[in-house]
Amino acid sequence: VGVISVTANIIPDDTHELCASFLDGNVARARELQLKAIDLCKALFCE
């Protein structure tokens, strides 16, 4: 039903939209936002 997110500290609007899009049935938009954030997620966990 959602995420407890580290990334949301710096991209709160997009993390909200990702989850809201999925819950609303817009899986394509959720997937787009998920993939857009992959490199950022990796950087936020490089240490």
All heavy atoms as atom14 arrays in JSON, in Angstrom:
{
  "sequence": "VGVISVTANIIPDDTHELCASFLDGNVARARELQLKAIDLCKALFCE",
  "atom14_mask": [
    [1, 1, 1, 1, 1, 1, 1, 0, 0, 0, 0, 0, 0, 0],
    [1, 1, 1, 1, 0, 0, 0, 0, 0, 0, 0, 0, 0, 0],
    [1, 1, 1, 1, 1, 1, 1, 0, 0, 0, 0, 0, 0, 0],
    [1, 1, 1, 1, 1, 1, 1, 1, 0, 0, 0, 0, 0, 0],
    [1, 1, 1, 1, 1, 1, 0, 0, 0, 0, 0, 0, 0, 0],
    [1, 1, 1, 1, 1, 1, 1, 0, 0, 0, 0, 0, 0, 0],
    [1, 1, 1, 1, 1, 1, 1, 0, 0, 0, 0, 0, 0, 0],
    [1, 1, 1, 1, 1, 0, 0, 0, 0, 0, 0, 0, 0, 0],
    [1, 1, 1, 1, 1, 1, 1, 1, 0, 0, 0, 0, 0, 0],
    [1, 1, 1, 1, 1, 1, 1, 1, 0, 0, 0, 0, 0, 0],
    [1, 1, 1, 1, 1, 1, 1, 1, 0, 0, 0, 0, 0, 0],
    [1, 1, 1, 1, 1, 1, 1, 0, 0, 0, 0, 0, 0, 0],
    [1, 1, 1, 1, 1, 1, 1, 1, 0, 0, 0, 0, 0, 0],
    [1, 1, 1, 1, 1, 1, 1, 1, 0, 0, 0, 0, 0, 0],
    [1, 1, 1, 1, 1, 1, 1, 0, 0, 0, 0, 0, 0, 0],
    [1, 1, 1, 1, 1, 1, 1, 1, 1, 1, 0, 0, 0, 0],
    [1, 1, 1, 1, 1, 1, 1, 1, 1, 0, 0, 0, 0, 0],
    [1, 1, 1, 1, 1, 1, 1, 1, 0, 0, 0, 0, 0, 0],
    [1, 1, 1, 1, 1, 1, 0, 0, 0, 0, 0, 0, 0, 0],
    [1, 1, 1, 1, 1, 0, 0, 0, 0, 0, 0, 0, 0, 0],
    [1, 1, 1, 1, 1, 1, 0, 0, 0, 0, 0, 0, 0, 0],
    [1, 1, 1, 1, 1, 1, 1, 1, 1, 1, 1, 0, 0, 0],
    [1, 1, 1, 1, 1, 1, 1, 1, 0, 0, 0, 0, 0, 0],
    [1, 1, 1, 1, 1, 1, 1, 1, 0, 0, 0, 0, 0, 0],
    [1, 1, 1, 1, 0, 0, 0, 0, 0, 0, 0, 0, 0, 0],
    [1, 1, 1, 1, 1, 1, 1, 1, 0, 0, 0, 0, 0, 0],
    [1, 1, 1, 1, 1, 1, 1, 0, 0, 0, 0, 0, 0, 0],
    [1, 1, 1, 1, 1, 0, 0, 0, 0, 0, 0, 0, 0, 0],
    [1, 1, 1, 1, 1, 1, 1, 1, 1, 1, 1, 0, 0, 0],
    [1, 1, 1, 1, 1, 0, 0, 0, 0, 0, 0, 0, 0, 0],
    [1, 1, 1, 1, 1, 1, 1, 1, 1, 1, 1, 0, 0, 0],
    [1, 1, 1, 1, 1, 1, 1, 1, 1, 0, 0, 0, 0, 0],
    [1, 1, 1, 1, 1, 1, 1, 1, 0, 0, 0, 0, 0, 0],
    [1, 1, 1, 1, 1, 1, 1, 1, 1, 0, 0, 0, 0, 0],
    [1, 1, 1, 1, 1, 1, 1, 1, 0, 0, 0, 0, 0, 0],
    [1, 1, 1, 1, 1, 1, 1, 1, 1, 0, 0, 0, 0, 0],
    [1, 1, 1, 1, 1, 0, 0, 0, 0, 0, 0, 0, 0, 0],
    [1, 1, 1, 1, 1, 1, 1, 1, 0, 0, 0, 0, 0, 0],
    [1, 1, 1, 1, 1, 1, 1, 1, 0, 0, 0, 0, 0, 0],
    [1, 1, 1, 1, 1, 1, 1, 1, 0, 0, 0, 0, 0, 0],
    [1, 1, 1, 1, 1, 1, 0, 0, 0, 0, 0, 0, 0, 0],
    [1, 1, 1, 1, 1, 1, 1, 1, 1, 0, 0, 0, 0, 0],
    [1, 1, 1, 1, 1, 0, 0, 0, 0, 0, 0, 0, 0, 0],
    [1, 1, 1, 1, 1, 1, 1, 1, 0, 0, 0, 0, 0, 0],
    [1, 1, 1, 1, 1, 1, 1, 1, 1, 1, 1, 0, 0, 0],
    [1, 1, 1, 1, 1, 1, 0, 0, 0, 0, 0, 0, 0, 0],
    [1, 1, 1, 1, 1, 1, 1, 1, 1, 0, 0, 0, 0, 0]
  ],
  "atom14_positions": [
    [[0.81, -1.23, 0.0], [0.0, 0.0, 0.0], [0.84, 1.27, 0.0], [0.3, 2.38, 0.03], [-0.97, 0.03, 1.2], [-1.97, -1.12, 1.11], [-0.22, 0.0, 2.53], [0.0, 0.0, 0.0], [0.0, 0.0, 0.0], [0.0, 0.0, 0.0], [0.0, 0.0, 0.0], [0.0, 0.0, 0.0], [0.0, 0.0, 0.0], [0.0, 0.0, 0.0]],
    [[2.17, 1.12, -0.04], [3.01, 2.32, -0.06], [4.44, 2.02, 0.33], [4.89, 0.89, 0.25], [0.0, 0.0, 0.0], [0.0, 0.0, 0.0], [0.0, 0.0, 0.0], [0.0, 0.0, 0.0], [0.0, 0.0, 0.0], [0.0, 0.0, 0.0], [0.0, 0.0, 0.0], [0.0, 0.0, 0.0], [0.0, 0.0, 0.0], [0.0, 0.0, 0.0]],
    [[5.12, 3.07, 0.77], [6.54, 2.99, 1.07], [6.84, 3.81, 2.32], [6.17, 4.81, 2.6], [7.38, 3.5, -0.12], [7.12, 4.98, -0.41], [8.88, 3.28, 0.11], [0.0, 0.0, 0.0], [0.0, 0.0, 0.0], [0.0, 0.0, 0.0], [0.0, 0.0, 0.0], [0.0, 0.0, 0.0], [0.0, 0.0, 0.0], [0.0, 0.0, 0.0]],
    [[7.84, 3.38, 3.07], [8.45, 4.21, 4.1], [9.83, 4.54, 3.55], [10.71, 3.7, 3.48], [8.49, 3.48, 5.45], [7.05, 3.25, 5.95], [9.29, 4.3, 6.48], [6.95, 2.48, 7.24], [0.0, 0.0, 0.0], [0.0, 0.0, 0.0], [0.0, 0.0, 0.0], [0.0, 0.0, 0.0], [0.0, 0.0, 0.0], [0.0, 0.0, 0.0]],
    [[9.98, 5.79, 3.13], [10.99, 6.16, 2.14], [12.07, 7.11, 2.66], [11.76, 8.12, 3.3], [10.27, 6.83, 0.96], [11.18, 7.42, 0.07], [0.0, 0.0, 0.0], [0.0, 0.0, 0.0], [0.0, 0.0, 0.0], [0.0, 0.0, 0.0], [0.0, 0.0, 0.0], [0.0, 0.0, 0.0], [0.0, 0.0, 0.0], [0.0, 0.0, 0.0]],
    [[13.3, 6.8, 2.32], [14.42, 7.71, 2.53], [14.41, 8.81, 1.47], [14.56, 10.0, 1.77], [15.76, 6.94, 2.49], [16.95, 7.9, 2.56], [15.84, 5.91, 3.6], [0.0, 0.0, 0.0], [0.0, 0.0, 0.0], [0.0, 0.0, 0.0], [0.0, 0.0, 0.0], [0.0, 0.0, 0.0], [0.0, 0.0, 0.0], [0.0, 0.0, 0.0]],
    [[14.18, 8.4, 0.24], [14.21, 9.33, -0.9], [13.19, 10.45, -0.75], [13.41, 11.57, -1.23], [13.96, 8.56, -2.2], [14.85, 7.44, -2.27], [14.18, 9.44, -3.42], [0.0, 0.0, 0.0], [0.0, 0.0, 0.0], [0.0, 0.0, 0.0], [0.0, 0.0, 0.0], [0.0, 0.0, 0.0], [0.0, 0.0, 0.0], [0.0, 0.0, 0.0]],
    [[12.08, 10.16, -0.07], [11.04, 11.17, 0.12], [11.53, 12.38, 0.9], [10.89, 13.44, 0.86], [9.83, 10.56, 0.82], [0.0, 0.0, 0.0], [0.0, 0.0, 0.0], [0.0, 0.0, 0.0], [0.0, 0.0, 0.0], [0.0, 0.0, 0.0], [0.0, 0.0, 0.0], [0.0, 0.0, 0.0], [0.0, 0.0, 0.0], [0.0, 0.0, 0.0]],
    [[12.65, 12.27, 1.6], [13.22, 13.44, 2.26], [13.56, 14.54, 1.27], [13.5, 15.72, 1.61], [14.49, 13.06, 3.04], [14.2, 12.43, 4.38], [13.89, 13.1, 5.36], [14.32, 11.11, 4.44], [0.0, 0.0, 0.0], [0.0, 0.0, 0.0], [0.0, 0.0, 0.0], [0.0, 0.0, 0.0], [0.0, 0.0, 0.0], [0.0, 0.0, 0.0]],
    [[13.92, 14.15, 0.03], [14.37, 15.16, -0.94], [13.48, 15.27, -2.18], [13.51, 16.28, -2.87], [15.84, 14.94, -1.35], [16.05, 13.58, -2.0], [16.76, 15.11, -0.14], [17.42, 13.42, -2.63], [0.0, 0.0, 0.0], [0.0, 0.0, 0.0], [0.0, 0.0, 0.0], [0.0, 0.0, 0.0], [0.0, 0.0, 0.0], [0.0, 0.0, 0.0]],
    [[12.7, 14.23, -2.48], [11.74, 14.33, -3.59], [10.35, 13.91, -3.08], [9.77, 12.93, -3.58], [12.16, 13.52, -4.83], [12.52, 12.08, -4.47], [13.3, 14.21, -5.55], [12.65, 11.17, -5.71], [0.0, 0.0, 0.0], [0.0, 0.0, 0.0], [0.0, 0.0, 0.0], [0.0, 0.0, 0.0], [0.0, 0.0, 0.0], [0.0, 0.0, 0.0]],
    [[9.81, 14.61, -2.11], [8.52, 14.2, -1.52], [7.37, 14.19, -2.51], [6.54, 13.26, -2.48], [8.3, 15.22, -0.41], [9.11, 16.42, -0.8], [10.32, 15.85, -1.49], [0.0, 0.0, 0.0], [0.0, 0.0, 0.0], [0.0, 0.0, 0.0], [0.0, 0.0, 0.0], [0.0, 0.0, 0.0], [0.0, 0.0, 0.0], [0.0, 0.0, 0.0]],
    [[7.29, 15.19, -3.37], [6.17, 15.25, -4.31], [6.17, 14.07, -5.27], [5.14, 13.45, -5.52], [6.22, 16.56, -5.1], [5.9, 17.77, -4.25], [4.77, 17.88, -3.76], [6.81, 18.6, -4.04], [0.0, 0.0, 0.0], [0.0, 0.0, 0.0], [0.0, 0.0, 0.0], [0.0, 0.0, 0.0], [0.0, 0.0, 0.0], [0.0, 0.0, 0.0]],
    [[7.35, 13.75, -5.79], [7.43, 12.65, -6.75], [7.2, 11.3, -6.09], [6.6, 10.4, -6.69], [8.79, 12.65, -7.45], [8.89, 13.7, -8.54], [7.92, 14.48, -8.71], [9.94, 13.77, -9.22], [0.0, 0.0, 0.0], [0.0, 0.0, 0.0], [0.0, 0.0, 0.0], [0.0, 0.0, 0.0], [0.0, 0.0, 0.0], [0.0, 0.0, 0.0]],
    [[7.67, 11.13, -4.86], [7.45, 9.86, -4.17], [5.97, 9.68, -3.87], [5.43, 8.58, -4.0], [8.28, 9.8, -2.87], [9.64, 10.18, -3.15], [8.28, 8.39, -2.3], [0.0, 0.0, 0.0], [0.0, 0.0, 0.0], [0.0, 0.0, 0.0], [0.0, 0.0, 0.0], [0.0, 0.0, 0.0], [0.0, 0.0, 0.0], [0.0, 0.0, 0.0]],
    [[5.31, 10.77, -3.48], [3.86, 10.72, -3.29], [3.16, 10.38, -4.61], [2.27, 9.51, -4.65], [3.35, 12.07, -2.77], [1.87, 12.25, -2.95], [0.94, 11.67, -2.11], [1.16, 12.93, -3.9], [-0.28, 11.99, -2.53], [-0.16, 12.75, -3.61], [0.0, 0.0, 0.0], [0.0, 0.0, 0.0], [0.0, 0.0, 0.0], [0.0, 0.0, 0.0]],
    [[3.56, 11.05, -5.69], [2.9, 10.82, -6.98], [3.1, 9.39, -7.46], [2.19, 8.78, -8.03], [3.43, 11.8, -8.03], [2.67, 11.69, -9.36], [3.24, 12.54, -10.47], [4.13, 13.38, -10.2], [2.79, 12.37, -11.63], [0.0, 0.0, 0.0], [0.0, 0.0, 0.0], [0.0, 0.0, 0.0], [0.0, 0.0, 0.0], [0.0, 0.0, 0.0]],
    [[4.29, 8.85, -7.24], [4.56, 7.47, -7.64], [3.54, 6.53, -7.0], [2.89, 5.72, -7.67], [5.98, 7.08, -7.23], [6.57, 5.75, -7.72], [8.08, 5.76, -7.55], [5.98, 4.54, -7.0], [0.0, 0.0, 0.0], [0.0, 0.0, 0.0], [0.0, 0.0, 0.0], [0.0, 0.0, 0.0], [0.0, 0.0, 0.0], [0.0, 0.0, 0.0]],
    [[3.4, 6.66, -5.68], [2.48, 5.77, -4.95], [1.02, 6.05, -5.34], [0.25, 5.11, -5.56], [2.66, 5.95, -3.44], [4.27, 5.44, -2.82], [0.0, 0.0, 0.0], [0.0, 0.0, 0.0], [0.0, 0.0, 0.0], [0.0, 0.0, 0.0], [0.0, 0.0, 0.0], [0.0, 0.0, 0.0], [0.0, 0.0, 0.0], [0.0, 0.0, 0.0]],
    [[0.66, 7.32, -5.41], [-0.72, 7.69, -5.73], [-1.08, 7.2, -7.13], [-2.21, 6.73, -7.36], [-0.9, 9.19, -5.62], [0.0, 0.0, 0.0], [0.0, 0.0, 0.0], [0.0, 0.0, 0.0], [0.0, 0.0, 0.0], [0.0, 0.0, 0.0], [0.0, 0.0, 0.0], [0.0, 0.0, 0.0], [0.0, 0.0, 0.0], [0.0, 0.0, 0.0]],
    [[-0.15, 7.31, -8.06], [-0.41, 6.85, -9.43], [-0.7, 5.36, -9.44], [-1.65, 4.9, -10.09], [0.78, 7.17, -10.34], [0.96, 8.56, -10.47], [0.0, 0.0, 0.0], [0.0, 0.0, 0.0], [0.0, 0.0, 0.0], [0.0, 0.0, 0.0], [0.0, 0.0, 0.0], [0.0, 0.0, 0.0], [0.0, 0.0, 0.0], [0.0, 0.0, 0.0]],
    [[0.12, 4.6, -8.71], [-0.11, 3.14, -8.68], [-1.46, 2.83, -8.06], [-2.23, 2.02, -8.59], [1.0, 2.43, -7.93], [1.01, 0.95, -8.15], [1.88, 0.37, -9.06], [0.11, 0.12, -7.48], [1.84, -1.0, -9.3], [0.07, -1.24, -7.7], [0.94, -1.81, -8.62], [0.0, 0.0, 0.0], [0.0, 0.0, 0.0], [0.0, 0.0, 0.0]],
    [[-1.76, 3.47, -6.94], [-3.02, 3.2, -6.25], [-4.22, 3.6, -7.09], [-5.3, 3.01, -6.97], [-3.04, 3.94, -4.9], [-2.06, 3.43, -3.85], [-1.98, 4.39, -2.67], [-2.46, 2.03, -3.36], [0.0, 0.0, 0.0], [0.0, 0.0, 0.0], [0.0, 0.0, 0.0], [0.0, 0.0, 0.0], [0.0, 0.0, 0.0], [0.0, 0.0, 0.0]],
    [[-4.02, 4.6, -7.96], [-5.11, 5.05, -8.85], [-5.2, 4.22, -10.14], [-6.05, 4.49, -10.99], [-4.91, 6.52, -9.22], [-5.17, 7.45, -8.05], [-5.82, 7.02, -7.07], [-4.71, 8.61, -8.1], [0.0, 0.0, 0.0], [0.0, 0.0, 0.0], [0.0, 0.0, 0.0], [0.0, 0.0, 0.0], [0.0, 0.0, 0.0], [0.0, 0.0, 0.0]],
    [[-4.3, 3.26, -10.3], [-4.34, 2.4, -11.47], [-3.47, 2.86, -12.63], [-3.46, 2.23, -13.68], [0.0, 0.0, 0.0], [0.0, 0.0, 0.0], [0.0, 0.0, 0.0], [0.0, 0.0, 0.0], [0.0, 0.0, 0.0], [0.0, 0.0, 0.0], [0.0, 0.0, 0.0], [0.0, 0.0, 0.0], [0.0, 0.0, 0.0], [0.0, 0.0, 0.0]],
    [[-2.72, 3.96, -12.43], [-1.84, 4.46, -13.49], [-0.45, 3.86, -13.29], [0.49, 4.54, -12.87], [-1.79, 5.99, -13.46], [-1.08, 6.56, -14.69], [-0.45, 5.84, -15.46], [-1.18, 7.88, -14.86], [0.0, 0.0, 0.0], [0.0, 0.0, 0.0], [0.0, 0.0, 0.0], [0.0, 0.0, 0.0], [0.0, 0.0, 0.0], [0.0, 0.0, 0.0]],
    [[-0.35, 2.59, -13.6], [0.89, 1.86, -13.37], [2.02, 2.39, -14.25], [3.18, 2.44, -13.83], [0.68, 0.35, -13.61], [1.99, -0.42, -13.45], [-0.36, -0.2, -12.65], [0.0, 0.0, 0.0], [0.0, 0.0, 0.0], [0.0, 0.0, 0.0], [0.0, 0.0, 0.0], [0.0, 0.0, 0.0], [0.0, 0.0, 0.0], [0.0, 0.0, 0.0]],
    [[1.7, 2.82, -15.45], [2.72, 3.34, -16.37], [3.41, 4.56, -15.77], [4.64, 4.69, -15.84], [2.1, 3.67, -17.71], [0.0, 0.0, 0.0], [0.0, 0.0, 0.0], [0.0, 0.0, 0.0], [0.0, 0.0, 0.0], [0.0, 0.0, 0.0], [0.0, 0.0, 0.0], [0.0, 0.0, 0.0], [0.0, 0.0, 0.0], [0.0, 0.0, 0.0]],
    [[2.65, 5.48, -15.17], [3.24, 6.67, -14.57], [4.06, 6.29, -13.34], [5.16, 6.83, -13.13], [2.14, 7.67, -14.19], [2.66, 8.92, -13.48], [3.68, 9.68, -14.3], [4.08, 10.92, -13.63], [5.2, 11.6, -13.93], [6.01, 11.17, -14.89], [5.48, 12.72, -13.29], [0.0, 0.0, 0.0], [0.0, 0.0, 0.0], [0.0, 0.0, 0.0]],
    [[3.55, 5.37, -12.53], [4.29, 4.92, -11.36], [5.62, 4.29, -11.77], [6.67, 4.57, -11.18], [3.46, 3.92, -10.56], [0.0, 0.0, 0.0], [0.0, 0.0, 0.0], [0.0, 0.0, 0.0], [0.0, 0.0, 0.0], [0.0, 0.0, 0.0], [0.0, 0.0, 0.0], [0.0, 0.0, 0.0], [0.0, 0.0, 0.0], [0.0, 0.0, 0.0]],
    [[5.57, 3.47, -12.81], [6.79, 2.84, -13.3], [7.77, 3.87, -13.83], [8.99, 3.78, -13.59], [6.45, 1.82, -14.39], [7.67, 1.09, -14.95], [7.27, -0.02, -15.9], [6.55, 0.5, -17.07], [5.28, 0.22, -17.35], [4.57, -0.55, -16.56], [4.71, 0.74, -18.44], [0.0, 0.0, 0.0], [0.0, 0.0, 0.0], [0.0, 0.0, 0.0]],
    [[7.27, 4.87, -14.54], [8.13, 5.94, -15.06], [8.87, 6.65, -13.93], [10.09, 6.89, -14.02], [7.26, 6.94, -15.83], [8.03, 8.14, -16.39], [7.12, 9.17, -17.02], [5.88, 8.97, -17.04], [7.63, 10.2, -17.5], [0.0, 0.0, 0.0], [0.0, 0.0, 0.0], [0.0, 0.0, 0.0], [0.0, 0.0, 0.0], [0.0, 0.0, 0.0]],
    [[8.16, 6.98, -12.87], [8.79, 7.67, -11.73], [9.75, 6.75, -10.99], [10.8, 7.19, -10.51], [7.71, 8.2, -10.79], [6.9, 9.38, -11.33], [5.66, 9.61, -10.48], [7.77, 10.64, -11.38], [0.0, 0.0, 0.0], [0.0, 0.0, 0.0], [0.0, 0.0, 0.0], [0.0, 0.0, 0.0], [0.0, 0.0, 0.0], [0.0, 0.0, 0.0]],
    [[9.4, 5.47, -10.88], [10.28, 4.51, -10.23], [11.62, 4.4, -10.97], [12.7, 4.49, -10.37], [9.62, 3.13, -10.18], [10.48, 2.01, -9.59], [10.6, 2.06, -8.1], [9.82, 1.48, -7.38], [11.61, 2.77, -7.59], [0.0, 0.0, 0.0], [0.0, 0.0, 0.0], [0.0, 0.0, 0.0], [0.0, 0.0, 0.0], [0.0, 0.0, 0.0]],
    [[11.55, 4.26, -12.27], [12.78, 4.1, -13.05], [13.59, 5.39, -13.09], [14.83, 5.35, -13.1], [12.43, 3.61, -14.45], [11.78, 2.22, -14.52], [11.43, 1.85, -15.96], [12.67, 1.16, -13.89], [0.0, 0.0, 0.0], [0.0, 0.0, 0.0], [0.0, 0.0, 0.0], [0.0, 0.0, 0.0], [0.0, 0.0, 0.0], [0.0, 0.0, 0.0]],
    [[12.9, 6.52, -13.12], [13.6, 7.81, -13.11], [14.45, 7.96, -11.85], [15.53, 8.56, -11.89], [12.59, 8.95, -13.19], [13.22, 10.34, -13.14], [12.16, 11.43, -13.14], [12.8, 12.82, -13.02], [11.78, 13.9, -12.96], [0.0, 0.0, 0.0], [0.0, 0.0, 0.0], [0.0, 0.0, 0.0], [0.0, 0.0, 0.0], [0.0, 0.0, 0.0]],
    [[14.0, 7.39, -10.75], [14.66, 7.58, -9.46], [15.75, 6.55, -9.15], [16.4, 6.65, -8.11], [13.62, 7.57, -8.34], [0.0, 0.0, 0.0], [0.0, 0.0, 0.0], [0.0, 0.0, 0.0], [0.0, 0.0, 0.0], [0.0, 0.0, 0.0], [0.0, 0.0, 0.0], [0.0, 0.0, 0.0], [0.0, 0.0, 0.0], [0.0, 0.0, 0.0]],
    [[15.97, 5.59, -10.03], [16.89, 4.49, -9.71], [18.31, 4.99, -9.41], [18.91, 4.62, -8.39], [16.92, 3.45, -10.85], [15.59, 2.69, -10.91], [18.08, 2.47, -10.65], [15.26, 1.88, -9.69], [0.0, 0.0, 0.0], [0.0, 0.0, 0.0], [0.0, 0.0, 0.0], [0.0, 0.0, 0.0], [0.0, 0.0, 0.0], [0.0, 0.0, 0.0]],
    [[18.86, 5.84, -10.26], [20.22, 6.33, -10.02], [20.29, 7.17, -8.75], [21.28, 7.11, -8.01], [20.71, 7.14, -11.22], [21.05, 6.28, -12.42], [21.22, 5.06, -12.24], [21.13, 6.82, -13.54], [0.0, 0.0, 0.0], [0.0, 0.0, 0.0], [0.0, 0.0, 0.0], [0.0, 0.0, 0.0], [0.0, 0.0, 0.0], [0.0, 0.0, 0.0]],
    [[19.25, 7.94, -8.49], [19.21, 8.74, -7.26], [19.15, 7.82, -6.05], [19.86, 8.06, -5.05], [17.99, 9.66, -7.29], [17.8, 10.58, -6.07], [18.99, 11.52, -5.92], [16.5, 11.37, -6.21], [0.0, 0.0, 0.0], [0.0, 0.0, 0.0], [0.0, 0.0, 0.0], [0.0, 0.0, 0.0], [0.0, 0.0, 0.0], [0.0, 0.0, 0.0]],
    [[18.34, 6.77, -6.12], [18.28, 5.81, -5.01], [19.64, 5.18, -4.74], [20.06, 5.05, -3.6], [17.25, 4.72, -5.32], [15.54, 5.25, -5.32], [0.0, 0.0, 0.0], [0.0, 0.0, 0.0], [0.0, 0.0, 0.0], [0.0, 0.0, 0.0], [0.0, 0.0, 0.0], [0.0, 0.0, 0.0], [0.0, 0.0, 0.0], [0.0, 0.0, 0.0]],
    [[20.32, 4.8, -5.82], [21.65, 4.19, -5.66], [22.61, 5.15, -4.98], [23.4, 4.77, -4.11], [22.19, 3.76, -7.02], [21.51, 2.53, -7.61], [22.14, 2.16, -8.94], [21.51, 0.9, -9.52], [22.12, 0.55, -10.84], [0.0, 0.0, 0.0], [0.0, 0.0, 0.0], [0.0, 0.0, 0.0], [0.0, 0.0, 0.0], [0.0, 0.0, 0.0]],
    [[22.56, 6.41, -5.38], [23.46, 7.41, -4.8], [23.14, 7.64, -3.32], [24.04, 7.87, -2.5], [23.36, 8.72, -5.57], [0.0, 0.0, 0.0], [0.0, 0.0, 0.0], [0.0, 0.0, 0.0], [0.0, 0.0, 0.0], [0.0, 0.0, 0.0], [0.0, 0.0, 0.0], [0.0, 0.0, 0.0], [0.0, 0.0, 0.0], [0.0, 0.0, 0.0]],
    [[21.86, 7.57, -2.98], [21.46, 7.8, -1.59], [21.79, 6.62, -0.68], [21.66, 6.72, 0.54], [19.96, 8.09, -1.52], [19.54, 9.49, -1.99], [18.03, 9.57, -2.12], [20.07, 10.57, -1.04], [0.0, 0.0, 0.0], [0.0, 0.0, 0.0], [0.0, 0.0, 0.0], [0.0, 0.0, 0.0], [0.0, 0.0, 0.0], [0.0, 0.0, 0.0]],
    [[22.23, 5.52, -1.29], [22.63, 4.36, -0.49], [24.05, 3.9, -0.83], [24.42, 2.78, -0.54], [21.62, 3.22, -0.68], [20.31, 3.48, 0.01], [19.29, 4.14, -0.65], [20.12, 3.1, 1.33], [18.09, 4.41, -0.01], [18.92, 3.36, 1.99], [17.9, 4.02, 1.31], [0.0, 0.0, 0.0], [0.0, 0.0, 0.0], [0.0, 0.0, 0.0]],
    [[24.85, 4.82, -1.42], [26.24, 4.44, -1.74], [27.11, 4.41, -0.49], [28.21, 3.86, -0.5], [26.82, 5.36, -2.8], [27.07, 7.07, -2.27], [0.0, 0.0, 0.0], [0.0, 0.0, 0.0], [0.0, 0.0, 0.0], [0.0, 0.0, 0.0], [0.0, 0.0, 0.0], [0.0, 0.0, 0.0], [0.0, 0.0, 0.0], [0.0, 0.0, 0.0]],
    [[26.65, 5.04, 0.58], [27.22, 4.86, 1.92], [26.05, 4.54, 2.84], [24.89, 4.69, 2.47], [27.96, 6.11, 2.38], [29.25, 6.37, 1.62], [30.08, 7.49, 2.23], [29.92, 7.78, 3.45], [30.89, 8.08, 1.49], [0.0, 0.0, 0.0], [0.0, 0.0, 0.0], [0.0, 0.0, 0.0], [0.0, 0.0, 0.0], [0.0, 0.0, 0.0]]
  ]
}
